[in-house]
C-alpha atoms as a PDB file:
ATOM      1  CA  UNK A   1       0.000   0.000   0.000  1.00  0.00           C
ATOM      2  CA  UNK A   2       1.179   3.480  -0.750  1.00  0.00           C
ATOM      3  CA  UNK A   3       1.578   5.885   2.123  1.00  0.00           C
ATOM      4  CA  UNK A   4      -1.074   8.582   2.006  1.00  0.00           C
ATOM      5  CA  UNK A   5       0.239  12.079   1.444  1.00  0.00           C
ATOM      6  CA  UNK A   6       0.151  14.332   4.474  1.00  0.00           C
ATOM      7  CA  UNK A   7      -0.962  17.752   3.383  1.00  0.00           C
ATOM      8  CA  UNK A   8       0.471  20.644   5.369  1.00  0.00           C
ATOM      9  CA  UNK A   9      -2.043  23.447   5.669  1.00  0.00           C
ATOM     10  CA  UNK A  10      -0.837  26.692   4.113  1.00  0.00           C
ATOM     11  CA  UNK A  11       0.604  29.225   6.500  1.00  0.00           C
ATOM     12  CA  UNK A  12      -1.748  32.162   6.804  1.00  0.00           C
ATOM     13  CA  UNK A  13      -0.597  35.669   5.981  1.00  0.00           C
ATOM     14  CA  UNK A  14      -2.689  38.056   8.082  1.00  0.00           C
ATOM     15  CA  UNK A  15      -3.172  41.567   6.731  1.00  0.00           C
ATOM     16  CA  UNK A  16      -0.350  43.872   7.773  1.00  0.00           C
ATOM     17  CA  UNK A  17       2.049  41.096   8.794  1.00  0.00           C
ATOM     18  CA  UNK A  18       4.195  41.223   5.615  1.00  0.00           C
ATOM     19  CA  UNK A  19       4.803  44.899   6.363  1.00  0.00           C
ATOM     20  CA  UNK A  20       5.780  44.103   9.943  1.00  0.00           C
ATOM     21  CA  UNK A  21       8.180  41.423   8.764  1.00  0.00           C
ATOM     22  CA  UNK A  22       9.586  43.722   6.095  1.00  0.00           C
ATOM     23  CA  UNK A  23      10.328  46.441   8.652  1.00  0.00           C
ATOM     24  CA  UNK A  24      11.927  43.961  11.054  1.00  0.00           C
ATOM     25  CA  UNK A  25      14.074  42.448   8.290  1.00  0.00           C
ATOM     26  CA  UNK A  26      15.127  45.944   7.233  1.00  0.00           C
ATOM     27  CA  UNK A  27      16.064  46.886  10.791  1.00  0.00           C
ATOM     28  CA  UNK A  28      18.186  43.775  11.339  1.00  0.00           C
ATOM     29  CA  UNK A  29      19.740  43.291   7.888  1.00  0.00           C
ATOM     30  CA  UNK A  30      19.453  46.503   5.859  1.00  0.00           C
ATOM     31  CA  UNK A  31      17.619  44.559   3.136  1.00  0.00           C
ATOM     32  CA  UNK A  32      14.450  46.322   2.039  1.00  0.00           C
ATOM     33  CA  UNK A  33      11.513  44.904   0.108  1.00  0.00           C
ATOM     34  CA  UNK A  34       9.217  47.314  -1.681  1.00  0.00           C
ATOM     35  CA  UNK A  35       5.482  46.645  -1.372  1.00  0.00           C
ATOM     36  CA  UNK A  36       5.351  44.934  -4.753  1.00  0.00           C
ATOM     37  CA  UNK A  37       8.055  42.465  -3.618  1.00  0.00           C
ATOM     38  CA  UNK A  38       6.608  41.466  -0.258  1.00  0.00           C
ATOM     39  CA  UNK A  39       5.444  38.161  -1.742  1.00  0.00           C
ATOM     40  CA  UNK A  40       9.065  37.417  -2.642  1.00  0.00           C
ATOM     41  CA  UNK A  41      10.129  38.061   0.935  1.00  0.00           C
ATOM     42  CA  UNK A  42       7.382  35.784   2.272  1.00  0.00           C
ATOM     43  CA  UNK A  43       8.447  33.035  -0.144  1.00  0.00           C
ATOM     44  CA  UNK A  44      12.049  33.256   1.079  1.00  0.00           C
ATOM     45  CA  UNK A  45      10.884  32.856   4.682  1.00  0.00           C
ATOM     46  CA  UNK A  46       8.406  30.052   3.974  1.00  0.00           C
ATOM     47  CA  UNK A  47      10.743  27.130   4.720  1.00  0.00           C
ATOM     48  CA  UNK A  48      11.794  28.664   8.020  1.00  0.00           C
ATOM     49  CA  UNK A  49       8.183  29.203   9.082  1.00  0.00           C
ATOM     50  CA  UNK A  50       7.462  25.560   8.226  1.00  0.00           C
ATOM     51  CA  UNK A  51      10.446  24.361  10.275  1.00  0.00           C
ATOM     52  CA  UNK A  52       9.002  26.113  13.319  1.00  0.00           C
ATOM     53  CA  UNK A  53       5.515  24.741  12.727  1.00  0.00           C
ATOM     54  CA  UNK A  54       4.026  28.199  12.359  1.00  0.00           C
ATOM     55  CA  UNK A  55       0.369  28.406  11.410  1.00  0.00           C
ATOM     56  CA  UNK A  56       0.685  32.095  10.643  1.00  0.00           C
ATOM     57  CA  UNK A  57       3.495  34.423   9.607  1.00  0.00           C
ATOM     58  CA  UNK A  58       2.573  36.413  12.683  1.00  0.00           C
ATOM     59  CA  UNK A  59       3.867  33.440  14.712  1.00  0.00           C
ATOM     60  CA  UNK A  60       7.138  33.609  12.818  1.00  0.00           C
ATOM     61  CA  UNK A  61       7.346  37.361  13.353  1.00  0.00           C
ATOM     62  CA  UNK A  62       7.101  36.786  17.124  1.00  0.00           C
ATOM     63  CA  UNK A  63       9.893  34.191  16.948  1.00  0.00           C
ATOM     64  CA  UNK A  64      12.198  36.659  15.203  1.00  0.00           C
ATOM     65  CA  UNK A  65      11.359  39.616  17.392  1.00  0.00           C
ATOM     66  CA  UNK A  66      10.784  38.220  20.865  1.00  0.00           C
ATOM     67  CA  UNK A  67      11.759  34.579  21.422  1.00  0.00           C
ATOM     68  CA  UNK A  68      15.051  33.375  22.887  1.00  0.00           C
ATOM     69  CA  UNK A  69      15.794  31.369  19.726  1.00  0.00           C
ATOM     70  CA  UNK A  70      15.423  34.528  17.638  1.00  0.00           C
ATOM     71  CA  UNK A  71      19.179  35.305  17.392  1.00  0.00           C
ATOM     72  CA  UNK A  72      19.927  31.817  16.066  1.00  0.00           C
ATOM     73  CA  UNK A  73      16.975  32.052  13.691  1.00  0.00           C
ATOM     74  CA  UNK A  74      18.319  35.300  12.215  1.00  0.00           C
ATOM     75  CA  UNK A  75      21.356  33.347  11.010  1.00  0.00           C
ATOM     76  CA  UNK A  76      19.013  31.108   9.027  1.00  0.00           C
ATOM     77  CA  UNK A  77      17.146  34.151   7.724  1.00  0.00           C
ATOM     78  CA  UNK A  78      20.411  35.511   6.349  1.00  0.00           C
ATOM     79  CA  UNK A  79      20.972  32.177   4.627  1.00  0.00           C
ATOM     80  CA  UNK A  80      17.492  32.421   3.090  1.00  0.00           C
ATOM     81  CA  UNK A  81      18.153  35.933   1.796  1.00  0.00           C
ATOM     82  CA  UNK A  82      21.685  35.217   0.584  1.00  0.00           C
ATOM     83  CA  UNK A  83      22.258  35.902  -3.121  1.00  0.00           C
ATOM     84  CA  UNK A  84      25.013  33.551  -4.247  1.00  0.00           C
ATOM     85  CA  UNK A  85      24.966  34.365  -7.946  1.00  0.00           C
ATOM     86  CA  UNK A  86      28.469  35.674  -8.524  1.00  0.00           C
ATOM     87  CA  UNK A  87      31.584  34.674 -10.450  1.00  0.00           C
ATOM     88  CA  UNK A  88      35.341  35.115 -10.708  1.00  0.00           C
ATOM     89  CA  UNK A  89      36.741  38.208 -12.440  1.00  0.00           C
ATOM     90  CA  UNK A  90      33.456  40.119 -11.988  1.00  0.00           C
ATOM     91  CA  UNK A  91      33.863  43.862 -12.661  1.00  0.00           C
ATOM     92  CA  UNK A  92      37.535  43.210 -13.293  1.00  0.00           C
ATOM     93  CA  UNK A  93      38.449  46.871 -13.915  1.00  0.00           C
ATOM     94  CA  UNK A  94      38.274  47.655 -10.197  1.00  0.00           C
ATOM     95  CA  UNK A  95      40.428  44.683  -9.253  1.00  0.00           C
ATOM     96  CA  UNK A  96      42.938  45.634 -11.927  1.00  0.00           C
ATOM     97  CA  UNK A  97      43.090  49.170 -10.546  1.00  0.00           C
ATOM     98  CA  UNK A  98      43.619  47.741  -7.081  1.00  0.00           C
ATOM     99  CA  UNK A  99      46.700  45.758  -8.111  1.00  0.00           C
ATOM    100  CA  UNK A 100      48.088  48.284 -10.618  1.00  0.00           C
ATOM    101  CA  UNK A 101      47.493  51.558  -8.742  1.00  0.00           C
ATOM    102  CA  UNK A 102      46.196  51.234  -5.174  1.00  0.00           C
ATOM    103  CA  UNK A 103      48.578  48.527  -3.920  1.00  0.00           C
ATOM    104  CA  UNK A 104      51.741  50.137  -5.379  1.00  0.00           C
ATOM    105  CA  UNK A 105      50.716  53.489  -3.884  1.00  0.00           C
ATOM    106  CA  UNK A 106      50.207  51.891  -0.480  1.00  0.00           C
ATOM    107  CA  UNK A 107      53.664  50.296  -0.328  1.00  0.00           C
ATOM    108  CA  UNK A 108      55.240  53.461  -1.663  1.00  0.00           C
ATOM    109  CA  UNK A 109      53.745  55.535   1.171  1.00  0.00           C
ATOM    110  CA  UNK A 110      53.461  53.015   4.042  1.00  0.00           C
ATOM    111  CA  UNK A 111      55.771  50.558   5.755  1.00  0.00           C
ATOM    112  CA  UNK A 112      52.988  48.516   7.359  1.00  0.00           C
ATOM    113  CA  UNK A 113      50.854  45.747   5.868  1.00  0.00           C
ATOM    114  CA  UNK A 114      47.837  46.429   3.669  1.00  0.00           C
ATOM    115  CA  UNK A 115      44.452  45.096   4.729  1.00  0.00           C
ATOM    116  CA  UNK A 116      41.761  44.459   2.131  1.00  0.00           C
ATOM    117  CA  UNK A 117      38.189  43.663   3.193  1.00  0.00           C
ATOM    118  CA  UNK A 118      35.669  41.950   0.918  1.00  0.00           C
ATOM    119  CA  UNK A 119      32.567  43.022   2.827  1.00  0.00           C
ATOM    120  CA  UNK A 120      29.916  40.864   1.140  1.00  0.00           C
ATOM    121  CA  UNK A 121      31.938  37.966  -0.173  1.00  0.00           C
ATOM    122  CA  UNK A 122      29.093  35.464  -0.716  1.00  0.00           C
ATOM    123  CA  UNK A 123      30.690  32.157  -1.787  1.00  0.00           C
ATOM    124  CA  UNK A 124      34.173  33.619  -2.092  1.00  0.00           C
ATOM    125  CA  UNK A 125      34.617  34.446  -5.765  1.00  0.00           C
ATOM    126  CA  UNK A 126      35.420  38.120  -5.115  1.00  0.00           C
ATOM    127  CA  UNK A 127      38.206  37.712  -2.515  1.00  0.00           C
ATOM    128  CA  UNK A 128      39.615  34.794  -4.497  1.00  0.00           C
ATOM    129  CA  UNK A 129      39.710  36.977  -7.629  1.00  0.00           C
ATOM    130  CA  UNK A 130      41.569  39.626  -5.624  1.00  0.00           C
ATOM    131  CA  UNK A 131      44.049  37.044  -4.358  1.00  0.00           C
ATOM    132  CA  UNK A 132      44.666  35.681  -7.865  1.00  0.00           C
ATOM    133  CA  UNK A 133      45.107  39.170  -9.321  1.00  0.00           C
ATOM    134  CA  UNK A 134      47.591  40.102  -6.589  1.00  0.00           C
ATOM    135  CA  UNK A 135      49.603  36.933  -7.204  1.00  0.00           C
ATOM    136  CA  UNK A 136      49.599  37.455 -10.963  1.00  0.00           C
ATOM    137  CA  UNK A 137      50.763  41.076 -10.514  1.00  0.00           C
ATOM    138  CA  UNK A 138      53.690  40.009  -8.336  1.00  0.00           C
ATOM    139  CA  UNK A 139      52.297  40.981  -4.933  1.00  0.00           C
ATOM    140  CA  UNK A 140      51.988  37.459  -3.561  1.00  0.00           C
ATOM    141  CA  UNK A 141      54.918  37.798  -1.140  1.00  0.00           C
ATOM    142  CA  UNK A 142      54.018  41.226   0.205  1.00  0.00           C
ATOM    143  CA  UNK A 143      52.401  41.821   3.611  1.00  0.00           C
ATOM    144  CA  UNK A 144      48.793  41.927   2.437  1.00  0.00           C
ATOM    145  CA  UNK A 145      45.870  40.579   4.452  1.00  0.00           C
ATOM    146  CA  UNK A 146      42.616  39.689   2.719  1.00  0.00           C
ATOM    147  CA  UNK A 147      39.614  39.500   5.027  1.00  0.00           C
ATOM    148  CA  UNK A 148      36.250  38.389   3.717  1.00  0.00           C
ATOM    149  CA  UNK A 149      32.886  38.424   5.434  1.00  0.00           C
ATOM    150  CA  UNK A 150      29.268  37.652   4.729  1.00  0.00           C
ATOM    151  CA  UNK A 151      26.104  37.545   6.796  1.00  0.00           C
ATOM    152  CA  UNK A 152      25.257  34.045   5.545  1.00  0.00           C
ATOM    153  CA  UNK A 153      26.939  31.100   7.211  1.00  0.00           C
ATOM    154  CA  UNK A 154      25.817  28.855   4.344  1.00  0.00           C
ATOM    155  CA  UNK A 155      27.595  31.072   1.822  1.00  0.00           C
ATOM    156  CA  UNK A 156      30.730  31.171   3.967  1.00  0.00           C
ATOM    157  CA  UNK A 157      30.774  27.386   4.236  1.00  0.00           C
ATOM    158  CA  UNK A 158      30.938  27.210   0.428  1.00  0.00           C
ATOM    159  CA  UNK A 159      33.641  29.882   0.346  1.00  0.00           C
ATOM    160  CA  UNK A 160      35.776  27.970   2.846  1.00  0.00           C
ATOM    161  CA  UNK A 161      35.298  24.709   0.936  1.00  0.00           C
ATOM    162  CA  UNK A 162      36.565  26.415  -2.231  1.00  0.00           C
ATOM    163  CA  UNK A 163      34.789  24.080  -4.660  1.00  0.00           C
ATOM    164  CA  UNK A 164      33.074  25.796  -7.586  1.00  0.00           C
ATOM    165  CA  UNK A 165      30.787  24.880 -10.475  1.00  0.00           C
ATOM    166  CA  UNK A 166      31.028  26.038 -14.069  1.00  0.00           C
ATOM    167  CA  UNK A 167      28.876  29.143 -13.561  1.00  0.00           C
ATOM    168  CA  UNK A 168      31.606  30.682 -11.393  1.00  0.00           C
ATOM    169  CA  UNK A 169      34.165  30.507 -14.215  1.00  0.00           C
ATOM    170  CA  UNK A 170      32.268  32.370 -16.937  1.00  0.00           C
ATOM    171  CA  UNK A 171      34.830  35.227 -17.016  1.00  0.00           C
ATOM    172  CA  UNK A 172      38.032  33.711 -15.616  1.00  0.00           C
ATOM    173  CA  UNK A 173      40.664  33.054 -18.331  1.00  0.00           C
ATOM    174  CA  UNK A 174      41.216  29.300 -18.844  1.00  0.00           C
ATOM    175  CA  UNK A 175      44.940  29.539 -18.085  1.00  0.00           C
ATOM    176  CA  UNK A 176      44.227  31.038 -14.651  1.00  0.00           C
ATOM    177  CA  UNK A 177      41.624  28.392 -13.956  1.00  0.00           C
ATOM    178  CA  UNK A 178      44.086  25.621 -14.722  1.00  0.00           C
ATOM    179  CA  UNK A 179      46.785  27.357 -12.663  1.00  0.00           C
ATOM    180  CA  UNK A 180      44.787  27.890  -9.466  1.00  0.00           C
ATOM    181  CA  UNK A 181      42.113  25.165  -9.556  1.00  0.00           C
ATOM    182  CA  UNK A 182      42.109  21.421  -9.988  1.00  0.00           C
ATOM    183  CA  UNK A 183      39.267  19.192 -11.087  1.00  0.00           C
ATOM    184  CA  UNK A 184      37.520  17.163  -8.385  1.00  0.00           C
ATOM    185  CA  UNK A 185      34.341  15.119  -8.418  1.00  0.00           C
ATOM    186  CA  UNK A 186      32.230  18.025  -7.146  1.00  0.00           C
ATOM    187  CA  UNK A 187      33.648  20.667  -9.502  1.00  0.00           C
ATOM    188  CA  UNK A 188      36.874  22.692  -9.424  1.00  0.00           C
ATOM    189  CA  UNK A 189      38.849  22.960  -6.179  1.00  0.00           C
ATOM    190  CA  UNK A 190      40.793  26.103  -5.338  1.00  0.00           C
ATOM    191  CA  UNK A 191      44.484  25.494  -4.606  1.00  0.00           C
ATOM    192  CA  UNK A 192      44.823  27.822  -1.628  1.00  0.00           C
ATOM    193  CA  UNK A 193      48.527  27.228  -1.066  1.00  0.00           C
ATOM    194  CA  UNK A 194      49.282  29.180  -4.247  1.00  0.00           C
ATOM    195  CA  UNK A 195      47.625  32.376  -3.014  1.00  0.00           C
ATOM    196  CA  UNK A 196      47.642  34.839  -0.165  1.00  0.00           C
ATOM    197  CA  UNK A 197      45.423  33.438   2.613  1.00  0.00           C
ATOM    198  CA  UNK A 198      41.832  34.658   2.812  1.00  0.00           C
ATOM    199  CA  UNK A 199      40.424  35.025   6.325  1.00  0.00           C
ATOM    200  CA  UNK A 200      36.682  34.349   6.344  1.00  0.00           C
ATOM    201  CA  UNK A 201      34.269  35.381   9.078  1.00  0.00           C
ATOM    202  CA  UNK A 202      30.555  35.990   9.504  1.00  0.00           C
ATOM    203  CA  UNK A 203      29.538  39.630   9.789  1.00  0.00           C
ATOM    204  CA  UNK A 204      26.290  41.484   9.249  1.00  0.00           C
ATOM    205  CA  UNK A 205      26.928  44.915   7.705  1.00  0.00           C
ATOM    206  CA  UNK A 206      24.158  46.386   9.860  1.00  0.00           C
ATOM    207  CA  UNK A 207      25.846  45.216  13.062  1.00  0.00           C
ATOM    208  CA  UNK A 208      28.412  47.852  13.971  1.00  0.00           C
ATOM    209  CA  UNK A 209      29.931  45.573  16.600  1.00  0.00           C
ATOM    210  CA  UNK A 210      30.575  42.863  14.022  1.00  0.00           C
ATOM    211  CA  UNK A 211      32.231  45.115  11.433  1.00  0.00           C
ATOM    212  CA  UNK A 212      33.996  47.718  13.606  1.00  0.00           C
ATOM    213  CA  UNK A 213      37.465  46.217  13.181  1.00  0.00           C
ATOM    214  CA  UNK A 214      36.938  45.212   9.559  1.00  0.00           C
ATOM    215  CA  UNK A 215      35.850  48.736   8.657  1.00  0.00           C
ATOM    216  CA  UNK A 216      39.274  50.123   9.571  1.00  0.00           C
ATOM    217  CA  UNK A 217      40.676  48.502   6.413  1.00  0.00           C
ATOM    218  CA  UNK A 218      42.298  50.932   3.932  1.00  0.00           C
ATOM    219  CA  UNK A 219      40.615  49.037   1.074  1.00  0.00           C
ATOM    220  CA  UNK A 220      36.994  47.890   1.205  1.00  0.00           C
ATOM    221  CA  UNK A 221      35.152  46.031  -1.520  1.00  0.00           C
ATOM    222  CA  UNK A 222      31.417  46.292  -0.847  1.00  0.00           C
ATOM    223  CA  UNK A 223      30.025  45.479  -4.258  1.00  0.00           C
ATOM    224  CA  UNK A 224      26.524  44.530  -5.358  1.00  0.00           C
ATOM    225  CA  UNK A 225      25.060  44.475  -1.860  1.00  0.00           C
ATOM    226  CA  UNK A 226      23.707  48.022  -1.625  1.00  0.00           C
ATOM    227  CA  UNK A 227      21.260  47.235  -4.447  1.00  0.00           C
ATOM    228  CA  UNK A 228      19.299  45.301  -1.806  1.00  0.00           C
ATOM    229  CA  UNK A 229      19.527  47.990   0.897  1.00  0.00           C
ATOM    230  CA  UNK A 230      17.318  50.981   1.528  1.00  0.00           C
ATOM    231  CA  UNK A 231      18.894  54.431   1.086  1.00  0.00           C
ATOM    232  CA  UNK A 232      18.830  54.829   4.874  1.00  0.00           C
ATOM    233  CA  UNK A 233      20.688  51.555   5.400  1.00  0.00           C
ATOM    234  CA  UNK A 234      23.239  52.425   2.714  1.00  0.00           C
ATOM    235  CA  UNK A 235      23.833  55.854   4.243  1.00  0.00           C
ATOM    236  CA  UNK A 236      24.316  54.395   7.729  1.00  0.00           C
ATOM    237  CA  UNK A 237      26.725  51.734   6.483  1.00  0.00           C
ATOM    238  CA  UNK A 238      28.780  54.158   4.411  1.00  0.00           C
ATOM    239  CA  UNK A 239      28.935  56.639   7.280  1.00  0.00           C
ATOM    240  CA  UNK A 240      30.251  53.863   9.505  1.00  0.00           C
ATOM    241  CA  UNK A 241      32.900  53.049   6.925  1.00  0.00           C
ATOM    242  CA  UNK A 242      33.851  56.720   6.772  1.00  0.00           C
ATOM    243  CA  UNK A 243      34.130  56.894  10.560  1.00  0.00           C
ATOM    244  CA  UNK A 244      36.595  54.009  10.633  1.00  0.00           C
ATOM    245  CA  UNK A 245      38.548  53.968   7.360  1.00  0.00           C
ATOM    246  CA  UNK A 246      41.805  55.901   7.175  1.00  0.00           C
ATOM    247  CA  UNK A 247      41.816  59.105   5.159  1.00  0.00           C
ATOM    248  CA  UNK A 248      42.618  58.228   1.565  1.00  0.00           C
ATOM    249  CA  UNK A 249      41.118  54.761   1.954  1.00  0.00           C
ATOM    250  CA  UNK A 250      39.474  53.254  -1.106  1.00  0.00           C
ATOM    251  CA  UNK A 251      35.866  52.003  -1.191  1.00  0.00           C
ATOM    252  CA  UNK A 252      34.807  49.914  -4.175  1.00  0.00           C
ATOM    253  CA  UNK A 253      31.062  49.507  -4.824  1.00  0.00           C
ATOM    254  CA  UNK A 254      29.221  47.849  -7.686  1.00  0.00           C
ATOM    255  CA  UNK A 255      28.967  49.463 -11.099  1.00  0.00           C
ATOM    256  CA  UNK A 256      25.230  50.024 -10.671  1.00  0.00           C
ATOM    257  CA  UNK A 257      25.559  51.491  -7.168  1.00  0.00           C
ATOM    258  CA  UNK A 258      26.026  55.230  -6.596  1.00  0.00           C
ATOM    259  CA  UNK A 259      26.791  56.978  -3.317  1.00  0.00           C
ATOM    260  CA  UNK A 260      26.812  60.523  -4.709  1.00  0.00           C
ATOM    261  CA  UNK A 261      23.484  61.543  -3.149  1.00  0.00           C
ATOM    262  CA  UNK A 262      24.077  59.684   0.093  1.00  0.00           C
ATOM    263  CA  UNK A 263      27.412  60.923   1.435  1.00  0.00           C
ATOM    264  CA  UNK A 264      29.965  63.704   1.018  1.00  0.00           C
ATOM    265  CA  UNK A 265      32.656  61.891   2.971  1.00  0.00           C
ATOM    266  CA  UNK A 266      33.974  60.052  -0.068  1.00  0.00           C
ATOM    267  CA  UNK A 267      35.144  61.575  -3.333  1.00  0.00           C
ATOM    268  CA  UNK A 268      34.303  59.666  -6.495  1.00  0.00           C
ATOM    269  CA  UNK A 269      37.397  59.297  -8.649  1.00  0.00           C
ATOM    270  CA  UNK A 270      38.070  57.549 -11.911  1.00  0.00           C
ATOM    271  CA  UNK A 271      41.360  55.680 -11.876  1.00  0.00           C
ATOM    272  CA  UNK A 272      42.130  53.989 -15.169  1.00  0.00           C
ATOM    273  CA  UNK A 273      38.904  52.151 -16.089  1.00  0.00           C
ATOM    274  CA  UNK A 274      37.494  52.002 -12.569  1.00  0.00           C
ATOM    275  CA  UNK A 275      35.454  54.296 -10.357  1.00  0.00           C
ATOM    276  CA  UNK A 276      36.495  54.405  -6.705  1.00  0.00           C
ATOM    277  CA  UNK A 277      35.203  56.279  -3.667  1.00  0.00           C
ATOM    278  CA  UNK A 278      38.135  57.784  -1.750  1.00  0.00           C
ATOM    279  CA  UNK A 279      37.728  58.639   1.934  1.00  0.00           C
ATOM    280  CA  UNK A 280      38.141  62.373   2.539  1.00  0.00           C
ATOM    281  CA  UNK A 281      39.832  63.992   5.511  1.00  0.00           C
ATOM    282  CA  UNK A 282      37.493  65.107   8.285  1.00  0.00           C
ATOM    283  CA  UNK A 283      37.768  66.334  11.845  1.00  0.00           C
ATOM    284  CA  UNK A 284      38.583  63.404  14.029  1.00  0.00           C
ATOM    285  CA  UNK A 285      39.173  61.146  11.016  1.00  0.00           C
ATOM    286  CA  UNK A 286      41.998  58.632  10.979  1.00  0.00           C
ATOM    287  CA  UNK A 287      44.952  59.396   8.780  1.00  0.00           C
ATOM    288  CA  UNK A 288      46.895  56.143   8.740  1.00  0.00           C
END
C-alpha cells in the first residue's frame, strides 16, 4: 500500500504582517523589500516558518522579534536571503586598478601591511579573484591581508570549501583556472597554497559591533550588496565606513551602485577604467 500524502495546511498571511516582517528584516539586515516584492520576501521565509511549525506568519514574526531562539533564527534568515549568484573576475576593472594603482601606492607611502576587506563575499569568488590578481601582478609575497565576510553562514561554508561549479568561471581566463584550480568530483577545487590566505568570518553589515574592526581597512570592496539595501541603510553603512577607514582609503562599490546623493565623505574618482570612492579627511578622522 502506498503511504497517504500528508498535506500541510498553508501558512496564513494576516493583513499587515508582511509589512511588519519587512520592517523587522530591514532593521536587522538593511535589506528592504518594496510593497510589490513582499510576496518574494514571504516566499524566502516560507521554509523557516514551516520548520518552526508556524500556522501564521505572525507566529514567525514573534519568533524573530521576541523569542530566545530569535538570534539563532536570524542566522538562518540571512541564509534564506543570501544571493550567491556571482563569479570570478566580476567587474575586473576595479580589481585591476587595485593591483596596478592602489597597492603600489600603499607600499610606496606606508611601511605597514595592507588590509583588504571583501565586505559581502558570498561564496568567495570576489576575494579569491583579488588574491589571484595580486599573485599574478607580483604581490603574492608582500604583507597583504585579505579579510572576507558575509552575513550568511551557508555562503561562507561554500567559500571555505573552495569548490566551484562552471557558472563561477564564466569570465576567468582558462589559463588562470588551470593554474589555481584542480578538477575534483564536485567541480573545481581552489588550490589555496598558491595564493595569499583569505580570512573568512561571519559579519552582518548592519551590526556595527561585528564590522567595527573590519571597517578600519584601507581598502573595502562592498560590491553589489547596496542594491538590496534601503537608502537609509546604505547611508548608515557608508557613514560607519567613513568613521573608521583611514583618510585616503578606497571604497569599491558595484557598477550600478552610486553613493553621490548619500554621502559627502567620499570623493568619487576615476582611476584607469574604474570608479572608486576615496575617503576624505574630516575632523577626528583617521589618517593612517
